[in-house]
Amino acid sequence: MEYFLLDASGTVLPYFRRGHFRLTRCNVDKEHTVNIDLTGKTAIVSASTAGIGLAIATGIAAAGARTVVNGRKQDAVDSAIEAILKTAPHAQLQGFAGDLSSQAGCDALTKAVPQADILVNNLGVFGPGDIFSTPDDDWARYFEVNVMSGVRLTRHYLKGMMERKWGRVVFISSESGLNIPPDMLAYGFSKTAQLSIARGIAKQAAGSGVTVNSVLPGPTLSDGFRSMVEDTAREQGKTVEQVATEFVRAHRSSSIIQRAASTEEVANMVVYVCSPQASATTGAALRVDGGVIDTIA
């Protein structure tokens, strides 16, 4: 069965193969068509100049939201905006160059963009380190960047969402938040913390029309993952996708899809969670892990 992805104007989008805005199945009537329209909403996606963040910003912008694109450097923000406009020419975009891992960076963003309807907390760092090799400073850095950036931004934007009786907050966590890797212990800890915080904030916002969720990607062909396996692919004469698949099968053998997800597949979930259609989904930890986490609930 063939699928087409259309934006609000009916234009076929080349970037996303399926998933959001309007997902239309051939030879079915309109009542089987799902429209995601975020027109009139303002969205902020932290760390959105590459990888999963860029895919999320592209998806949300194509759905009609005025989207704030964030990165630490202005040239990266400008390049991301250019890339989004190639996919969604009518997108309403605003760039914000700044490091959101500090209170000062978050304050600068909230001053530039005082109000938002959608907040996607995507900023994060990762790296190896077990209990013996990870120094205190690294533990503090993982907490400051991966956890506190989202806490600070949510603290600011949530009040307005609750007052307006509508809002979406999404924390981009990881399957490592549940499937804790001993060789990336501080990273896993920070991702578990995000799950707890999102669930607690969802309860705080109960009955307000604001939803708060976590999305847990598994192995994903982000820019970071690609750079990690590029040398191996070159040495072995294989594609990055082939090496990524071998990595998943060797190191995430419980994966049901037996491959890495695309950034667009992760973004599809996030755009849905940010939509009006997801109004009954809150306090949830939503997996886009390809089945890596081997539990039913």
C-alpha atoms as a PDB file:
ATOM      1  CA  MET A   1       0.000   0.000   0.000  1.00  0.00           C
ATOM      2  CA  GLU A   2       1.467   3.369  -0.994  1.00  0.00           C
ATOM      3  CA  TYR A   3       1.455   6.360   1.363  1.00  0.00           C
ATOM      4  CA  PHE A   4       1.834  10.073   0.742  1.00  0.00           C
ATOM      5  CA  LEU A   5       2.762  12.727   3.299  1.00  0.00           C
ATOM      6  CA  LEU A   6       1.117  16.071   2.700  1.00  0.00           C
ATOM      7  CA  ASP A   7       1.436  19.405   4.436  1.00  0.00           C
ATOM      8  CA  ALA A   8      -1.538  21.644   5.233  1.00  0.00           C
ATOM      9  CA  SER A   9      -1.657  22.937   1.654  1.00  0.00           C
ATOM     10  CA  GLY A  10      -1.736  19.437   0.164  1.00  0.00           C
ATOM     11  CA  THR A  11       1.860  19.485  -1.092  1.00  0.00           C
ATOM     12  CA  VAL A  12       3.665  16.138  -1.037  1.00  0.00           C
ATOM     13  CA  LEU A  13       6.651  16.399   1.313  1.00  0.00           C
ATOM     14  CA  PRO A  14       9.841  14.666   0.174  1.00  0.00           C
ATOM     15  CA  TYR A  15      11.526  14.644   3.598  1.00  0.00           C
ATOM     16  CA  PHE A  16       9.105  12.484   5.559  1.00  0.00           C
ATOM     17  CA  ARG A  17       7.936   9.298   3.965  1.00  0.00           C
ATOM     18  CA  ARG A  18       5.046   8.715   6.350  1.00  0.00           C
ATOM     19  CA  GLY A  19       3.786   9.690   9.717  1.00  0.00           C
ATOM     20  CA  HIS A  20       2.260  13.068  10.343  1.00  0.00           C
ATOM     21  CA  PHE A  21       0.394  16.165   9.219  1.00  0.00           C
ATOM     22  CA  ARG A  22      -1.862  14.321   6.796  1.00  0.00           C
ATOM     23  CA  LEU A  23      -1.189  10.640   6.283  1.00  0.00           C
ATOM     24  CA  THR A  24      -3.342   9.539   3.378  1.00  0.00           C
ATOM     25  CA  ARG A  25      -3.810   5.946   2.268  1.00  0.00           C
ATOM     26  CA  CYS A  26      -4.631   5.422  -1.377  1.00  0.00           C
ATOM     27  CA  ASN A  27      -8.213   4.499  -2.224  1.00  0.00           C
ATOM     28  CA  VAL A  28      -9.715   5.408   1.153  1.00  0.00           C
ATOM     29  CA  ASP A  29     -12.174   8.167   1.886  1.00  0.00           C
ATOM     30  CA  LYS A  30     -11.514  11.344   3.882  1.00  0.00           C
ATOM     31  CA  GLU A  31     -12.746   9.977   7.197  1.00  0.00           C
ATOM     32  CA  HIS A  32      -9.647   7.756   7.243  1.00  0.00           C
ATOM     33  CA  THR A  33      -7.309  10.749   6.810  1.00  0.00           C
ATOM     34  CA  VAL A  34      -5.571  12.169   9.882  1.00  0.00           C
ATOM     35  CA  ASN A  35      -4.786  15.876   9.736  1.00  0.00           C
ATOM     36  CA  ILE A  36      -2.315  17.393  12.166  1.00  0.00           C
ATOM     37  CA  ASP A  37      -2.603  21.154  12.059  1.00  0.00           C
ATOM     38  CA  LEU A  38      -0.496  23.250  14.424  1.00  0.00           C
ATOM     39  CA  THR A  39      -1.288  26.558  12.757  1.00  0.00           C
ATOM     40  CA  GLY A  40      -1.309  29.405  15.264  1.00  0.00           C
ATOM     41  CA  LYS A  41       0.935  27.579  17.738  1.00  0.00           C
ATOM     42  CA  THR A  42       4.459  28.586  18.730  1.00  0.00           C
ATOM     43  CA  ALA A  43       6.914  25.729  19.223  1.00  0.00           C
ATOM     44  CA  ILE A  44      10.414  25.639  20.662  1.00  0.00           C
ATOM     45  CA  VAL A  45      12.710  22.708  19.904  1.00  0.00           C
ATOM     46  CA  SER A  46      15.993  22.862  21.786  1.00  0.00           C
ATOM     47  CA  ALA A  47      19.137  21.588  20.049  1.00  0.00           C
ATOM     48  CA  SER A  48      17.385  21.473  16.695  1.00  0.00           C
ATOM     49  CA  THR A  49      20.123  22.178  14.160  1.00  0.00           C
ATOM     50  CA  ALA A  50      20.900  18.518  13.401  1.00  0.00           C
ATOM     51  CA  GLY A  51      19.794  14.946  13.932  1.00  0.00           C
ATOM     52  CA  ILE A  52      16.607  14.152  15.812  1.00  0.00           C
ATOM     53  CA  GLY A  53      16.118  17.788  16.815  1.00  0.00           C
ATOM     54  CA  LEU A  54      16.239  19.003  13.226  1.00  0.00           C
ATOM     55  CA  ALA A  55      13.795  16.300  12.136  1.00  0.00           C
ATOM     56  CA  ILE A  56      11.400  17.292  14.932  1.00  0.00           C
ATOM     57  CA  ALA A  57      11.639  20.993  14.095  1.00  0.00           C
ATOM     58  CA  THR A  58      11.039  20.193  10.430  1.00  0.00           C
ATOM     59  CA  GLY A  59       7.968  18.122  11.227  1.00  0.00           C
ATOM     60  CA  ILE A  60       6.437  20.641  13.609  1.00  0.00           C
ATOM     61  CA  ALA A  61       7.100  23.533  11.228  1.00  0.00           C
ATOM     62  CA  ALA A  62       5.583  21.634   8.302  1.00  0.00           C
ATOM     63  CA  ALA A  63       2.470  21.089  10.429  1.00  0.00           C
ATOM     64  CA  GLY A  64       2.036  24.863  10.602  1.00  0.00           C
ATOM     65  CA  ALA A  65       3.546  25.929  13.925  1.00  0.00           C
ATOM     66  CA  ARG A  66       5.817  28.928  14.187  1.00  0.00           C
ATOM     67  CA  THR A  67       8.970  27.071  15.171  1.00  0.00           C
ATOM     68  CA  VAL A  68      11.992  28.309  17.084  1.00  0.00           C
ATOM     69  CA  VAL A  69      15.166  26.579  15.908  1.00  0.00           C
ATOM     70  CA  ASN A  70      17.969  26.450  18.456  1.00  0.00           C
ATOM     71  CA  GLY A  71      21.653  25.710  18.397  1.00  0.00           C
ATOM     72  CA  ARG A  72      24.751  27.077  20.066  1.00  0.00           C
ATOM     73  CA  LYS A  73      26.134  28.788  16.954  1.00  0.00           C
ATOM     74  CA  GLN A  74      24.393  31.170  14.570  1.00  0.00           C
ATOM     75  CA  ASP A  75      25.769  29.530  11.429  1.00  0.00           C
ATOM     76  CA  ALA A  76      24.354  26.162  12.500  1.00  0.00           C
ATOM     77  CA  VAL A  77      20.966  27.761  13.193  1.00  0.00           C
ATOM     78  CA  ASP A  78      21.001  29.471   9.788  1.00  0.00           C
ATOM     79  CA  SER A  79      21.874  26.209   8.026  1.00  0.00           C
ATOM     80  CA  ALA A  80      19.081  24.363   9.835  1.00  0.00           C
ATOM     81  CA  ILE A  81      16.528  27.003   8.872  1.00  0.00           C
ATOM     82  CA  GLU A  82      17.659  26.739   5.257  1.00  0.00           C
ATOM     83  CA  ALA A  83      17.268  22.947   5.374  1.00  0.00           C
ATOM     84  CA  ILE A  84      13.773  23.160   6.881  1.00  0.00           C
ATOM     85  CA  LEU A  85      12.641  25.650   4.244  1.00  0.00           C
ATOM     86  CA  LYS A  86      13.686  23.246   1.496  1.00  0.00           C
ATOM     87  CA  THR A  87      11.236  20.715   2.905  1.00  0.00           C
ATOM     88  CA  ALA A  88       8.542  23.111   4.106  1.00  0.00           C
ATOM     89  CA  PRO A  89       8.834  26.315   2.017  1.00  0.00           C
ATOM     90  CA  HIS A  90       6.008  28.052   3.872  1.00  0.00           C
ATOM     91  CA  ALA A  91       7.375  27.317   7.341  1.00  0.00           C
ATOM     92  CA  GLN A  92       7.403  30.126   9.895  1.00  0.00           C
ATOM     93  CA  LEU A  93      10.791  29.943  11.569  1.00  0.00           C
ATOM     94  CA  GLN A  94      12.721  31.900  14.153  1.00  0.00           C
ATOM     95  CA  GLY A  95      16.316  31.201  15.029  1.00  0.00           C
ATOM     96  CA  PHE A  96      17.845  31.410  18.472  1.00  0.00           C
ATOM     97  CA  ALA A  97      21.581  30.875  18.873  1.00  0.00           C
ATOM     98  CA  GLY A  98      22.472  30.144  22.475  1.00  0.00           C
ATOM     99  CA  ASP A  99      23.669  27.471  24.875  1.00  0.00           C
ATOM    100  CA  LEU A 100      20.664  26.244  26.855  1.00  0.00           C
ATOM    101  CA  SER A 101      22.739  24.156  29.241  1.00  0.00           C
ATOM    102  CA  SER A 102      23.012  27.141  31.598  1.00  0.00           C
ATOM    103  CA  GLN A 103      20.516  29.314  33.447  1.00  0.00           C
ATOM    104  CA  ALA A 104      21.810  32.340  31.530  1.00  0.00           C
ATOM    105  CA  GLY A 105      21.178  30.644  28.187  1.00  0.00           C
ATOM    106  CA  CYS A 106      17.644  29.661  29.174  1.00  0.00           C
ATOM    107  CA  ASP A 107      16.972  33.196  30.412  1.00  0.00           C
ATOM    108  CA  ALA A 108      18.107  34.609  27.070  1.00  0.00           C
ATOM    109  CA  LEU A 109      15.704  32.312  25.216  1.00  0.00           C
ATOM    110  CA  THR A 110      12.725  33.079  27.435  1.00  0.00           C
ATOM    111  CA  LYS A 111      13.421  36.795  26.978  1.00  0.00           C
ATOM    112  CA  ALA A 112      13.553  36.411  23.183  1.00  0.00           C
ATOM    113  CA  VAL A 113      10.516  34.088  23.095  1.00  0.00           C
ATOM    114  CA  PRO A 114       8.397  34.802  26.190  1.00  0.00           C
ATOM    115  CA  GLN A 115       5.544  32.457  25.300  1.00  0.00           C
ATOM    116  CA  ALA A 116       5.258  29.036  23.685  1.00  0.00           C
ATOM    117  CA  ASP A 117       2.522  26.473  23.149  1.00  0.00           C
ATOM    118  CA  ILE A 118       4.840  23.556  22.422  1.00  0.00           C
ATOM    119  CA  LEU A 119       8.176  22.839  24.085  1.00  0.00           C
ATOM    120  CA  VAL A 120      10.387  19.961  22.998  1.00  0.00           C
ATOM    121  CA  ASN A 121      13.329  19.466  25.366  1.00  0.00           C
ATOM    122  CA  ASN A 122      15.822  17.793  23.068  1.00  0.00           C
ATOM    123  CA  LEU A 123      19.146  19.150  24.328  1.00  0.00           C
ATOM    124  CA  GLY A 124      21.452  16.418  25.548  1.00  0.00           C
ATOM    125  CA  VAL A 125      24.986  15.085  25.658  1.00  0.00           C
ATOM    126  CA  PHE A 126      26.143  11.484  25.727  1.00  0.00           C
ATOM    127  CA  GLY A 127      29.332   9.517  26.048  1.00  0.00           C
ATOM    128  CA  PRO A 128      30.934   6.439  27.591  1.00  0.00           C
ATOM    129  CA  GLY A 129      31.731   5.981  31.259  1.00  0.00           C
ATOM    130  CA  ASP A 130      31.063   3.373  33.938  1.00  0.00           C
ATOM    131  CA  ILE A 131      30.933   3.757  37.721  1.00  0.00           C
ATOM    132  CA  PHE A 132      34.739   3.623  38.010  1.00  0.00           C
ATOM    133  CA  SER A 133      35.690   5.914  35.130  1.00  0.00           C
ATOM    134  CA  THR A 134      33.125   8.713  35.415  1.00  0.00           C
ATOM    135  CA  PRO A 135      34.341  11.636  37.564  1.00  0.00           C
ATOM    136  CA  ASP A 136      32.048  13.842  39.633  1.00  0.00           C
ATOM    137  CA  ASP A 137      32.275  16.693  37.135  1.00  0.00           C
ATOM    138  CA  ASP A 138      30.859  14.463  34.393  1.00  0.00           C
ATOM    139  CA  TRP A 139      27.931  13.415  36.574  1.00  0.00           C
ATOM    140  CA  ALA A 140      27.193  17.094  37.231  1.00  0.00           C
ATOM    141  CA  ARG A 141      27.478  17.941  33.533  1.00  0.00           C
ATOM    142  CA  TYR A 142      25.019  15.235  32.471  1.00  0.00           C
ATOM    143  CA  PHE A 143      22.544  16.483  35.051  1.00  0.00           C
ATOM    144  CA  GLU A 144      22.997  20.150  34.140  1.00  0.00           C
ATOM    145  CA  VAL A 145      22.679  19.664  30.380  1.00  0.00           C
ATOM    146  CA  ASN A 146      20.295  16.732  29.981  1.00  0.00           C
ATOM    147  CA  VAL A 147      18.024  17.389  32.937  1.00  0.00           C
ATOM    148  CA  MET A 148      18.168  20.993  34.114  1.00  0.00           C
ATOM    149  CA  SER A 149      17.901  22.541  30.643  1.00  0.00           C
ATOM    150  CA  GLY A 150      14.449  20.983  30.289  1.00  0.00           C
ATOM    151  CA  VAL A 151      13.491  21.777  33.878  1.00  0.00           C
ATOM    152  CA  ARG A 152      14.328  25.466  33.461  1.00  0.00           C
ATOM    153  CA  LEU A 153      12.510  25.887  30.163  1.00  0.00           C
ATOM    154  CA  THR A 154       9.474  23.938  31.337  1.00  0.00           C
ATOM    155  CA  ARG A 155       9.331  25.970  34.547  1.00  0.00           C
ATOM    156  CA  HIS A 156       9.025  29.136  32.456  1.00  0.00           C
ATOM    157  CA  TYR A 157       6.688  28.047  29.654  1.00  0.00           C
ATOM    158  CA  LEU A 158       4.359  25.714  31.558  1.00  0.00           C
ATOM    159  CA  LYS A 159       2.570  28.462  33.492  1.00  0.00           C
ATOM    160  CA  GLY A 160       1.437  30.211  30.324  1.00  0.00           C
ATOM    161  CA  MET A 161       0.303  26.943  28.781  1.00  0.00           C
ATOM    162  CA  MET A 162      -1.793  26.153  31.844  1.00  0.00           C
ATOM    163  CA  GLU A 163      -3.311  29.636  31.870  1.00  0.00           C
ATOM    164  CA  ARG A 164      -4.265  29.297  28.185  1.00  0.00           C
ATOM    165  CA  LYS A 165      -5.613  25.764  28.790  1.00  0.00           C
ATOM    166  CA  TRP A 166      -3.500  24.206  26.046  1.00  0.00           C
ATOM    167  CA  GLY A 167       0.095  23.120  25.705  1.00  0.00           C
ATOM    168  CA  ARG A 168       2.490  20.330  24.888  1.00  0.00           C
ATOM    169  CA  VAL A 169       5.760  19.544  26.646  1.00  0.00           C
ATOM    170  CA  VAL A 170       7.939  16.685  25.407  1.00  0.00           C
ATOM    171  CA  PHE A 171      11.186  15.443  26.926  1.00  0.00           C
ATOM    172  CA  ILE A 172      13.399  13.533  24.500  1.00  0.00           C
ATOM    173  CA  SER A 173      14.720  10.774  26.739  1.00  0.00           C
ATOM    174  CA  SER A 174      16.156   7.451  25.541  1.00  0.00           C
ATOM    175  CA  GLU A 175      15.688   3.723  25.819  1.00  0.00           C
ATOM    176  CA  SER A 176      18.817   3.986  27.957  1.00  0.00           C
ATOM    177  CA  GLY A 177      16.615   5.564  30.615  1.00  0.00           C
ATOM    178  CA  LEU A 178      14.989   2.151  31.131  1.00  0.00           C
ATOM    179  CA  ASN A 179      17.614  -0.164  29.677  1.00  0.00           C
ATOM    180  CA  ILE A 180      20.496   1.334  31.676  1.00  0.00           C
ATOM    181  CA  PRO A 181      23.870   0.783  29.959  1.00  0.00           C
ATOM    182  CA  PRO A 182      26.605   0.114  32.553  1.00  0.00           C
ATOM    183  CA  ASP A 183      29.184   1.660  30.216  1.00  0.00           C
ATOM    184  CA  MET A 184      27.133   4.883  29.862  1.00  0.00           C
ATOM    185  CA  LEU A 185      25.904   5.069  33.424  1.00  0.00           C
ATOM    186  CA  ALA A 186      25.716   8.841  33.934  1.00  0.00           C
ATOM    187  CA  TYR A 187      23.930   9.245  30.610  1.00  0.00           C
ATOM    188  CA  GLY A 188      21.404   6.552  31.518  1.00  0.00           C
ATOM    189  CA  PHE A 189      20.843   8.166  34.915  1.00  0.00           C
ATOM    190  CA  SER A 190      20.072  11.519  33.279  1.00  0.00           C
ATOM    191  CA  LYS A 191      17.576   9.917  30.917  1.00  0.00           C
ATOM    192  CA  THR A 192      15.816   8.116  33.770  1.00  0.00           C
ATOM    193  CA  ALA A 193      15.601  11.442  35.590  1.00  0.00           C
ATOM    194  CA  GLN A 194      13.811  12.956  32.593  1.00  0.00           C
ATOM    195  CA  LEU A 195      11.148  10.250  32.769  1.00  0.00           C
ATOM    196  CA  SER A 196      10.470  10.970  36.433  1.00  0.00           C
ATOM    197  CA  ILE A 197      10.347  14.715  35.903  1.00  0.00           C
ATOM    198  CA  ALA A 198       8.003  14.492  32.920  1.00  0.00           C
ATOM    199  CA  ARG A 199       5.617  12.219  34.810  1.00  0.00           C
ATOM    200  CA  GLY A 200       5.593  14.529  37.820  1.00  0.00           C
ATOM    201  CA  ILE A 201       5.022  17.647  35.723  1.00  0.00           C
ATOM    202  CA  ALA A 202       2.168  15.913  33.905  1.00  0.00           C
ATOM    203  CA  LYS A 203       0.487  15.393  37.284  1.00  0.00           C
ATOM    204  CA  GLN A 204       1.119  19.043  38.185  1.00  0.00           C
ATOM    205  CA  ALA A 205      -0.663  20.062  34.967  1.00  0.00           C
ATOM    206  CA  ALA A 206      -3.601  17.684  35.509  1.00  0.00           C
ATOM    207  CA  GLY A 207      -6.881  18.928  34.096  1.00  0.00           C
ATOM    208  CA  SER A 208      -5.315  21.995  32.489  1.00  0.00           C
ATOM    209  CA  GLY A 209      -5.350  20.892  28.854  1.00  0.00           C
ATOM    210  CA  VAL A 210      -1.553  20.644  28.903  1.00  0.00           C
ATOM    211  CA  THR A 211       0.091  17.288  28.229  1.00  0.00           C
ATOM    212  CA  VAL A 212       3.610  16.328  29.272  1.00  0.00           C
ATOM    213  CA  ASN A 213       5.280  13.226  27.871  1.00  0.00           C
ATOM    214  CA  SER A 214       8.636  11.610  27.261  1.00  0.00           C
ATOM    215  CA  VAL A 215       9.727  10.046  23.984  1.00  0.00           C
ATOM    216  CA  LEU A 216      12.345   7.304  24.166  1.00  0.00           C
ATOM    217  CA  PRO A 217      14.324   6.774  20.962  1.00  0.00           C
ATOM    218  CA  GLY A 218      16.443   3.685  20.589  1.00  0.00           C
ATOM    219  CA  PRO A 219      19.416   3.419  18.218  1.00  0.00           C
ATOM    220  CA  THR A 220      18.786   6.161  15.667  1.00  0.00           C
ATOM    221  CA  LEU A 221      20.662   7.236  12.549  1.00  0.00           C
ATOM    222  CA  SER A 222      21.350  10.704  13.894  1.00  0.00           C
ATOM    223  CA  ASP A 223      24.383  12.727  12.864  1.00  0.00           C
ATOM    224  CA  GLY A 224      26.198  11.545  15.992  1.00  0.00           C
ATOM    225  CA  PHE A 225      25.491   7.879  15.279  1.00  0.00           C
ATOM    226  CA  ARG A 226      26.504   8.316  11.645  1.00  0.00           C
ATOM    227  CA  SER A 227      29.821   9.914  12.579  1.00  0.00           C
ATOM    228  CA  MET A 228      30.464   7.083  15.045  1.00  0.00           C
ATOM    229  CA  VAL A 229      30.183   4.376  12.364  1.00  0.00           C
ATOM    230  CA  GLU A 230      31.414   6.234   9.262  1.00  0.00           C
ATOM    231  CA  ASP A 231      35.041   5.149   9.628  1.00  0.00           C
ATOM    232  CA  THR A 232      34.037   1.515  10.094  1.00  0.00           C
ATOM    233  CA  ALA A 233      31.763   1.693   7.057  1.00  0.00           C
ATOM    234  CA  ARG A 234      34.549   3.169   4.947  1.00  0.00           C
ATOM    235  CA  GLU A 235      37.085   0.584   6.091  1.00  0.00           C
ATOM    236  CA  GLN A 236      34.715  -2.317   5.432  1.00  0.00           C
ATOM    237  CA  GLY A 237      33.342  -0.966   2.156  1.00  0.00           C
ATOM    238  CA  LYS A 238      29.812  -0.877   3.531  1.00  0.00           C
ATOM    239  CA  THR A 239      27.138   1.770   3.811  1.00  0.00           C
ATOM    240  CA  VAL A 240      26.528   3.584   7.079  1.00  0.00           C
ATOM    241  CA  GLU A 241      23.094   1.951   7.189  1.00  0.00           C
ATOM    242  CA  GLN A 242      24.601  -1.531   6.888  1.00  0.00           C
ATOM    243  CA  VAL A 243      27.077  -0.915   9.699  1.00  0.00           C
ATOM    244  CA  ALA A 244      24.343   0.629  11.849  1.00  0.00           C
ATOM    245  CA  THR A 245      22.224  -2.480  11.348  1.00  0.00           C
ATOM    246  CA  GLU A 246      25.142  -4.696  12.348  1.00  0.00           C
ATOM    247  CA  PHE A 247      25.686  -2.540  15.438  1.00  0.00           C
ATOM    248  CA  VAL A 248      22.050  -2.883  16.477  1.00  0.00           C
ATOM    249  CA  ARG A 249      22.080  -6.649  16.000  1.00  0.00           C
ATOM    250  CA  ALA A 250      25.316  -6.990  17.980  1.00  0.00           C
ATOM    251  CA  HIS A 251      24.722  -4.494  20.784  1.00  0.00           C
ATOM    252  CA  ARG A 252      20.925  -4.175  20.930  1.00  0.00           C
ATOM    253  CA  SER A 253      20.031  -7.749  20.057  1.00  0.00           C
ATOM    254  CA  SER A 254      16.554  -7.432  21.581  1.00  0.00           C
ATOM    255  CA  SER A 255      15.618  -4.983  18.818  1.00  0.00           C
ATOM    256  CA  ILE A 256      12.564  -6.243  17.009  1.00  0.00           C
ATOM    257  CA  ILE A 257      13.043  -4.134  13.886  1.00  0.00           C
ATOM    258  CA  GLN A 258      16.729  -5.221  13.797  1.00  0.00           C
ATOM    259  CA  ARG A 259      17.951  -1.859  12.501  1.00  0.00           C
ATOM    260  CA  ALA A 260      18.453   1.721  13.565  1.00  0.00           C
ATOM    261  CA  ALA A 261      15.473   4.034  13.294  1.00  0.00           C
ATOM    262  CA  SER A 262      15.595   7.124  11.126  1.00  0.00           C
ATOM    263  CA  THR A 263      15.403  10.565  12.691  1.00  0.00           C
ATOM    264  CA  GLU A 264      12.129  11.071  10.828  1.00  0.00           C
ATOM    265  CA  GLU A 265      10.602   8.019  12.505  1.00  0.00           C
ATOM    266  CA  VAL A 266      11.356   9.528  15.903  1.00  0.00           C
ATOM    267  CA  ALA A 267      10.042  12.912  14.776  1.00  0.00           C
ATOM    268  CA  ASN A 268       6.785  11.335  13.617  1.00  0.00           C
ATOM    269  CA  MET A 269       6.008  10.302  17.189  1.00  0.00           C
ATOM    270  CA  VAL A 270       6.935  13.706  18.592  1.00  0.00           C
ATOM    271  CA  VAL A 271       4.790  15.609  16.112  1.00  0.00           C
ATOM    272  CA  TYR A 272       1.820  13.403  16.946  1.00  0.00           C
ATOM    273  CA  VAL A 273       2.337  13.906  20.692  1.00  0.00           C
ATOM    274  CA  CYS A 274       2.377  17.670  20.080  1.00  0.00           C
ATOM    275  CA  SER A 275      -0.887  17.537  18.139  1.00  0.00           C
ATOM    276  CA  PRO A 276      -4.470  18.159  19.258  1.00  0.00           C
ATOM    277  CA  GLN A 277      -5.154  14.489  18.465  1.00  0.00           C
ATOM    278  CA  ALA A 278      -2.897  13.430  21.377  1.00  0.00           C
ATOM    279  CA  SER A 279      -4.995  15.197  24.015  1.00  0.00           C
ATOM    280  CA  ALA A 280      -5.523  12.015  26.083  1.00  0.00           C
ATOM    281  CA  THR A 281      -1.852  11.035  26.090  1.00  0.00           C
ATOM    282  CA  THR A 282       0.015  12.502  29.056  1.00  0.00           C
ATOM    283  CA  GLY A 283       2.469  11.331  31.675  1.00  0.00           C
ATOM    284  CA  ALA A 284       3.579   8.648  29.244  1.00  0.00           C
ATOM    285  CA  ALA A 285       6.991   7.282  28.292  1.00  0.00           C
ATOM    286  CA  LEU A 286       6.514   6.624  24.581  1.00  0.00           C
ATOM    287  CA  ARG A 287       9.021   4.312  22.951  1.00  0.00           C
ATOM    288  CA  VAL A 288      10.438   4.683  19.462  1.00  0.00           C
ATOM    289  CA  ASP A 289      13.091   2.107  20.229  1.00  0.00           C
ATOM    290  CA  GLY A 290      12.298  -0.552  17.663  1.00  0.00           C
ATOM    291  CA  GLY A 291      11.395  -2.948  20.457  1.00  0.00           C
ATOM    292  CA  VAL A 292      14.798  -2.851  22.185  1.00  0.00           C
ATOM    293  CA  ILE A 293      13.240  -2.598  25.645  1.00  0.00           C
ATOM    294  CA  ASP A 294      12.074  -6.153  26.208  1.00  0.00           C
ATOM    295  CA  THR A 295       9.038  -5.524  28.393  1.00  0.00           C
ATOM    296  CA  ILE A 296       5.329  -5.357  27.607  1.00  0.00           C
ATOM    297  CA  ALA A 297       4.490  -2.415  29.887  1.00  0.00           C
END
